[in-house]
Amino acid sequence: MSLYLVTALSFFAVSLLVWLGLWFMRRSTDPVAARIRRYVNPEWNQGTLAELRATVTTARDKVNPALEKVASTFGSAPQSQSKLRATLVQAGFYQENSAAIFIGAKMVGAVGLFIFYWFMAVAGGRSGPQFLLLAVLMAMMGYILPDFVLRAKIRRRQDSIASALPDALDFLVICVEAGLGLNAALIRVGQELQLRSQALSAELSMVNQELRTGISREQALRNLSTRNMIEDLKILVSSLVLSDKLGTNVADTLRAQSDSLRTRVRQRAEERAAKASIKMLFPLVFFILPALFIVMLGPGVILVKNTLAPMLP
């Protein structure tokens, strides 16, 4: 079989596998496809989701007390727990025992990976200082892995809130101009944003709960900006607090903040687009161009080698 034919078949086979993998991933994560499946067979979908939620809730109720016991056994400083609790709030974990559960998960991850590697090494007949060093490294990896997961969740949640914030501002402007007060507008916007961003909807619902408990609106808004370290949200909260103190029109303030936020979002998109060419340079040079050179120059090099082989001594 010709070398060119083998190369072409290999290329098409790999391309087909990559395309199928991306198609299945997009199909499983596409919100439009999920909504279509829910509307096509709502009873089955609701029953399946209810069973899944019940299973997850049961497992969580059994695992969380065990993790709390592990955390209480090892213990930690109250100051570090307060910092960890603030970090967990940014990720959307508002429970009082979330810090203890997180510390217990880190301890269990460290011990679990250490025991798992120990068992695998003993089953493979390995021993010695190198084995002990790798086991300790696996334990350290199990200890710090929840931190990476927590940071990723915080980043994903902040991106969700920041992306939905312009739409929330537009909703607020419409509600306030329609005659609703700011508190009622926050409640309404939180209800309408459940499909757009559950994180922002939950945060606005928490602001509403704080207002109902008697906390002033200024303090509730400042708590909102403290829980979510997002620059745009801080600017919005500062503007609303200043508007409350000065007694200016809230609708005008919200409209000005909406226009300013849209401008900042557009500027960030232009900045990311300008950085894309620089970011693409490294994978282009180190991954794409070498493979391209091998495909283009490889057959020629092999042909030249076969041609010059009889001439060489």
Protein backbone atom coordinates (compact mmCIF):
# COMPACT_ATOMS: atom_id res chain seq x y z
CA MET A 1 0.00 0.00 0.00
CA SER A 2 1.25 3.47 -0.85
CA LEU A 3 2.68 5.62 1.91
CA TYR A 4 0.49 8.55 0.84
CA LEU A 5 -2.63 6.40 1.07
CA VAL A 6 -1.71 5.20 4.56
CA THR A 7 -1.07 8.78 5.69
CA ALA A 8 -4.38 9.97 4.24
CA LEU A 9 -6.34 7.11 5.84
CA SER A 10 -4.68 7.74 9.20
CA PHE A 11 -5.48 11.43 8.99
CA PHE A 12 -9.14 10.82 8.17
CA ALA A 13 -9.47 8.16 10.89
CA VAL A 14 -8.03 10.44 13.58
CA SER A 15 -10.13 13.38 12.36
CA LEU A 16 -13.28 11.24 12.48
CA LEU A 17 -12.53 10.06 16.02
CA VAL A 18 -11.87 13.61 17.22
CA TRP A 19 -15.05 14.87 15.55
CA LEU A 20 -17.15 12.08 17.10
CA GLY A 21 -15.67 12.75 20.53
CA LEU A 22 -16.39 16.48 20.30
CA TRP A 23 -19.90 15.79 19.01
CA PHE A 24 -20.73 13.48 21.92
CA MET A 25 -19.25 15.96 24.43
CA ARG A 26 -21.25 18.84 22.96
CA ARG A 27 -24.40 16.75 22.89
CA SER A 28 -24.08 15.88 26.57
CA THR A 29 -23.28 19.44 27.69
CA ASP A 30 -25.38 21.50 25.28
CA PRO A 31 -28.17 23.27 27.25
CA VAL A 32 -30.39 23.46 24.16
CA ALA A 33 -30.23 19.68 23.69
CA ALA A 34 -30.93 19.16 27.40
CA ARG A 35 -34.04 21.35 27.22
CA ILE A 36 -35.24 19.55 24.10
CA ARG A 37 -34.85 16.18 25.83
CA ARG A 38 -36.72 17.51 28.85
CA TYR A 39 -39.63 18.73 26.73
CA VAL A 40 -39.77 15.58 24.59
CA ASN A 41 -40.20 13.28 27.58
CA PRO A 42 -40.77 15.40 30.68
CA GLU A 43 -42.11 12.65 32.95
CA TRP A 44 -39.11 10.39 32.43
CA ASN A 45 -36.72 13.30 32.78
CA GLN A 46 -38.30 14.56 35.97
CA GLY A 47 -38.39 11.10 37.48
CA THR A 48 -34.78 10.45 36.58
CA LEU A 49 -33.67 13.82 37.98
CA ALA A 50 -35.65 13.25 41.17
CA GLU A 51 -34.06 9.82 41.69
CA LEU A 52 -30.61 11.23 40.96
CA ARG A 53 -31.10 14.11 43.40
CA ALA A 54 -32.36 11.72 46.06
CA THR A 55 -29.33 9.45 45.57
CA VAL A 56 -26.90 12.37 45.72
CA THR A 57 -28.61 13.78 48.83
CA THR A 58 -28.52 10.42 50.60
CA ALA A 59 -24.85 9.90 49.79
CA ARG A 60 -24.02 13.44 50.89
CA ASP A 61 -25.87 13.02 54.18
CA LYS A 62 -23.84 9.90 54.88
CA VAL A 63 -20.45 11.23 53.78
CA ASN A 64 -20.54 14.73 55.31
CA PRO A 65 -20.75 13.62 58.98
CA ALA A 66 -17.82 11.26 58.44
CA LEU A 67 -15.73 14.06 56.92
CA GLU A 68 -16.65 16.35 59.82
CA LYS A 69 -15.45 13.73 62.29
CA VAL A 70 -12.15 13.40 60.42
CA ALA A 71 -11.67 17.19 60.44
CA SER A 72 -12.51 17.44 64.15
CA THR A 73 -10.03 14.66 64.91
CA PHE A 74 -7.10 16.43 63.26
CA GLY A 75 -8.34 19.94 64.06
CA SER A 76 -7.22 23.29 62.63
CA ALA A 77 -6.74 26.88 63.74
CA PRO A 78 -9.90 29.01 63.96
CA GLN A 79 -8.24 31.77 61.93
CA SER A 80 -7.46 29.41 59.06
CA GLN A 81 -11.00 28.04 59.23
CA SER A 82 -12.45 31.55 58.95
CA LYS A 83 -10.35 32.25 55.85
CA LEU A 84 -11.32 28.90 54.39
CA ARG A 85 -15.00 29.59 55.11
CA ALA A 86 -14.75 32.90 53.25
CA THR A 87 -13.18 31.10 50.29
CA LEU A 88 -15.89 28.45 50.35
CA VAL A 89 -18.56 31.16 50.34
CA GLN A 90 -17.07 32.47 47.09
CA ALA A 91 -17.59 28.98 45.64
CA GLY A 92 -21.24 28.92 46.75
CA PHE A 93 -20.93 26.78 49.91
CA TYR A 94 -22.84 28.68 52.60
CA GLN A 95 -23.23 25.92 55.19
CA GLU A 96 -21.59 26.41 58.58
CA ASN A 97 -19.93 23.00 58.44
CA SER A 98 -18.52 23.47 54.93
CA ALA A 99 -15.02 24.26 56.22
CA ALA A 100 -14.94 21.09 58.34
CA ILE A 101 -16.21 19.01 55.42
CA PHE A 102 -13.56 20.47 53.12
CA ILE A 103 -10.74 19.82 55.59
CA GLY A 104 -12.01 16.27 56.08
CA ALA A 105 -12.07 15.76 52.30
CA LYS A 106 -8.44 16.87 52.08
CA MET A 107 -7.41 14.47 54.87
CA VAL A 108 -9.32 11.58 53.32
CA GLY A 109 -7.85 12.34 49.88
CA ALA A 110 -4.30 12.34 51.24
CA VAL A 111 -4.69 9.10 53.20
CA GLY A 112 -6.69 7.44 50.41
CA LEU A 113 -4.13 8.13 47.67
CA PHE A 114 -1.30 7.05 49.98
CA ILE A 115 -3.01 3.73 50.75
CA PHE A 116 -3.98 3.24 47.10
CA TYR A 117 -0.40 3.74 45.89
CA TRP A 118 0.91 1.54 48.71
CA PHE A 119 -1.43 -1.28 47.69
CA MET A 120 -0.53 -0.94 44.00
CA ALA A 121 3.18 -0.85 44.75
CA VAL A 122 3.00 -3.91 47.02
CA ALA A 123 0.97 -5.76 44.38
CA GLY A 124 3.64 -4.87 41.81
CA GLY A 125 6.50 -5.98 44.05
CA ARG A 126 8.06 -2.54 44.51
CA SER A 127 9.77 -1.30 47.64
CA GLY A 128 12.56 0.95 48.80
CA PRO A 129 13.11 4.70 49.34
CA GLN A 130 11.82 5.59 45.88
CA PHE A 131 8.52 3.86 46.65
CA LEU A 132 8.19 5.74 49.95
CA LEU A 133 8.94 9.07 48.26
CA LEU A 134 6.32 8.48 45.57
CA ALA A 135 3.78 7.45 48.21
CA VAL A 136 4.40 10.70 50.10
CA LEU A 137 4.04 12.65 46.84
CA MET A 138 0.73 10.92 46.15
CA ALA A 139 -0.46 11.85 49.66
CA MET A 140 0.52 15.48 49.07
CA MET A 141 -1.32 15.41 45.74
CA GLY A 142 -4.45 14.07 47.43
CA TYR A 143 -4.18 16.83 50.04
CA ILE A 144 -3.85 19.76 47.60
CA LEU A 145 -6.18 18.43 44.89
CA PRO A 146 -9.36 19.76 46.62
CA ASP A 147 -7.76 23.23 46.63
CA PHE A 148 -7.41 23.15 42.84
CA VAL A 149 -11.00 21.93 42.49
CA LEU A 150 -12.20 24.71 44.79
CA ARG A 151 -10.32 27.38 42.84
CA ALA A 152 -11.74 26.06 39.58
CA LYS A 153 -15.27 26.16 41.02
CA ILE A 154 -14.75 29.73 42.25
CA ARG A 155 -13.45 30.82 38.86
CA ARG A 156 -16.35 29.14 37.04
CA ARG A 157 -18.89 30.69 39.41
CA GLN A 158 -17.38 34.15 39.08
CA ASP A 159 -17.41 33.84 35.29
CA SER A 160 -21.08 32.83 35.41
CA ILE A 161 -21.99 35.82 37.59
CA ALA A 162 -19.92 38.27 35.53
CA SER A 163 -21.42 37.06 32.25
CA ALA A 164 -24.99 37.36 33.57
CA LEU A 165 -24.48 40.72 35.26
CA PRO A 166 -25.24 42.89 32.16
CA ASP A 167 -28.54 41.06 31.63
CA ALA A 168 -29.34 41.46 35.33
CA LEU A 169 -28.71 45.20 35.09
CA ASP A 170 -31.01 45.48 32.08
CA PHE A 171 -33.71 43.59 34.01
CA LEU A 172 -33.22 45.89 36.99
CA VAL A 173 -33.58 49.00 34.83
CA ILE A 174 -36.83 47.66 33.32
CA CYS A 175 -38.26 46.70 36.72
CA VAL A 176 -37.35 50.01 38.39
CA GLU A 177 -38.71 52.05 35.49
CA ALA A 178 -41.92 49.99 35.62
CA GLY A 179 -42.51 51.22 39.17
CA LEU A 180 -40.98 48.52 41.38
CA GLY A 181 -38.75 49.43 44.27
CA LEU A 182 -35.14 48.30 44.30
CA ASN A 183 -35.82 45.51 46.81
CA ALA A 184 -38.75 44.15 44.80
CA ALA A 185 -36.73 44.53 41.59
CA LEU A 186 -33.89 42.45 43.07
CA ILE A 187 -36.37 39.70 43.99
CA ARG A 188 -37.91 39.72 40.51
CA VAL A 189 -34.55 39.69 38.73
CA GLY A 190 -33.32 36.84 40.93
CA GLN A 191 -36.35 34.78 39.89
CA GLU A 192 -35.93 35.57 36.19
CA LEU A 193 -32.21 34.74 36.13
CA GLN A 194 -32.50 31.14 37.31
CA LEU A 195 -32.04 29.75 33.80
CA ARG A 196 -29.40 32.33 32.82
CA SER A 197 -27.17 32.05 35.90
CA GLN A 198 -28.10 30.06 38.97
CA ALA A 199 -25.16 31.55 40.88
CA LEU A 200 -26.32 35.16 40.43
CA SER A 201 -29.91 34.14 41.12
CA ALA A 202 -28.83 32.51 44.40
CA GLU A 203 -26.84 35.60 45.38
CA LEU A 204 -29.78 37.93 44.74
CA SER A 205 -32.02 35.58 46.72
CA MET A 206 -29.56 35.77 49.61
CA VAL A 207 -29.66 39.57 49.44
CA ASN A 208 -33.45 39.35 49.67
CA GLN A 209 -33.22 37.02 52.69
CA GLU A 210 -30.83 39.41 54.45
CA LEU A 211 -33.19 42.31 53.80
CA ARG A 212 -36.07 40.32 55.29
CA THR A 213 -34.08 39.62 58.45
CA GLY A 214 -33.69 43.36 59.07
CA ILE A 215 -30.25 44.05 57.60
CA SER A 216 -30.04 47.41 55.88
CA ARG A 217 -29.91 47.48 52.10
CA GLU A 218 -26.46 49.06 52.14
CA GLN A 219 -25.05 46.28 54.31
CA ALA A 220 -26.78 43.56 52.25
CA LEU A 221 -25.32 44.96 49.04
CA ARG A 222 -21.87 45.23 50.60
CA ASN A 223 -22.15 41.61 51.75
CA LEU A 224 -22.97 40.71 48.14
CA SER A 225 -19.77 42.32 46.88
CA THR A 226 -17.75 40.74 49.71
CA ARG A 227 -18.99 37.24 48.94
CA ASN A 228 -18.13 37.60 45.25
CA MET A 229 -14.77 39.19 44.47
CA ILE A 230 -15.88 40.51 41.07
CA GLU A 231 -14.79 43.98 40.01
CA ASP A 232 -17.93 44.81 38.04
CA LEU A 233 -20.14 43.76 40.94
CA LYS A 234 -18.14 45.92 43.36
CA ILE A 235 -18.55 48.94 41.08
CA LEU A 236 -22.30 48.32 40.82
CA VAL A 237 -22.71 47.95 44.58
CA SER A 238 -20.70 51.11 45.24
CA SER A 239 -22.87 53.04 42.79
CA LEU A 240 -26.12 51.76 44.35
CA VAL A 241 -24.91 52.57 47.88
CA LEU A 242 -23.85 56.06 46.82
CA SER A 243 -27.17 56.59 45.05
CA ASP A 244 -29.00 55.53 48.23
CA LYS A 245 -27.01 57.96 50.35
CA LEU A 246 -27.38 60.91 47.96
CA GLY A 247 -31.03 60.19 47.14
CA THR A 248 -30.57 60.23 43.37
CA ASN A 249 -32.73 58.36 40.89
CA VAL A 250 -31.92 54.65 41.04
CA ALA A 251 -33.09 54.05 37.45
CA ASP A 252 -30.62 56.60 36.08
CA THR A 253 -27.81 55.07 38.12
CA LEU A 254 -28.65 51.56 36.91
CA ARG A 255 -28.88 52.71 33.28
CA ALA A 256 -25.50 54.44 33.49
CA GLN A 257 -23.95 51.35 35.11
CA SER A 258 -25.49 49.12 32.44
CA ASP A 259 -23.97 51.19 29.63
CA SER A 260 -20.62 51.32 31.40
CA LEU A 261 -20.67 47.56 32.05
CA ARG A 262 -21.48 46.80 28.40
CA THR A 263 -18.51 48.98 27.39
CA ARG A 264 -16.18 47.16 29.80
CA VAL A 265 -17.38 43.76 28.56
CA ARG A 266 -16.75 44.80 24.96
CA GLN A 267 -13.28 46.11 25.84
CA ARG A 268 -12.41 42.84 27.61
CA ALA A 269 -13.57 40.86 24.58
CA GLU A 270 -11.38 43.01 22.32
CA GLU A 271 -8.46 42.51 24.69
CA ARG A 272 -8.92 38.73 24.68
CA ALA A 273 -9.16 38.75 20.89
CA ALA A 274 -5.90 40.71 20.67
CA LYS A 275 -4.16 38.22 22.99
CA ALA A 276 -5.44 35.19 21.06
CA SER A 277 -2.77 35.42 18.36
CA ILE A 278 0.02 35.46 20.95
CA LYS A 279 -1.49 32.54 22.86
CA MET A 280 -1.83 30.52 19.66
CA LEU A 281 1.85 31.00 18.84
CA PHE A 282 3.15 28.43 21.32
CA PRO A 283 0.92 25.48 20.33
CA LEU A 284 1.46 26.43 16.68
CA VAL A 285 5.24 26.31 16.97
CA PHE A 286 5.59 23.32 19.29
CA PHE A 287 2.71 21.06 18.19
CA ILE A 288 1.13 21.99 14.86
CA LEU A 289 4.15 22.98 12.74
CA PRO A 290 6.29 19.91 13.67
CA ALA A 291 3.43 17.56 12.78
CA LEU A 292 2.84 19.49 9.54
CA PHE A 293 6.51 19.30 8.60
CA ILE A 294 6.57 15.55 9.28
CA VAL A 295 3.52 14.97 7.08
CA MET A 296 4.78 17.21 4.26
CA LEU A 297 8.52 16.46 4.31
CA GLY A 298 8.46 12.89 5.66
CA PRO A 299 7.65 11.11 2.37
CA GLY A 300 10.21 13.24 0.51
CA VAL A 301 12.93 12.47 3.04
CA ILE A 302 12.15 8.74 2.83
CA LEU A 303 12.22 8.87 -0.99
CA VAL A 304 15.58 10.71 -1.03
CA LYS A 305 17.01 8.23 1.46
CA ASN A 306 15.89 5.24 -0.63
CA THR A 307 17.30 6.87 -3.78
CA LEU A 308 20.69 7.66 -2.28
CA ALA A 309 21.02 4.38 -0.35
CA PRO A 310 22.58 2.42 -3.26
CA MET A 311 25.16 5.18 -3.82
CA LEU A 312 26.38 5.18 -0.27
CA PRO A 313 29.24 2.80 0.66
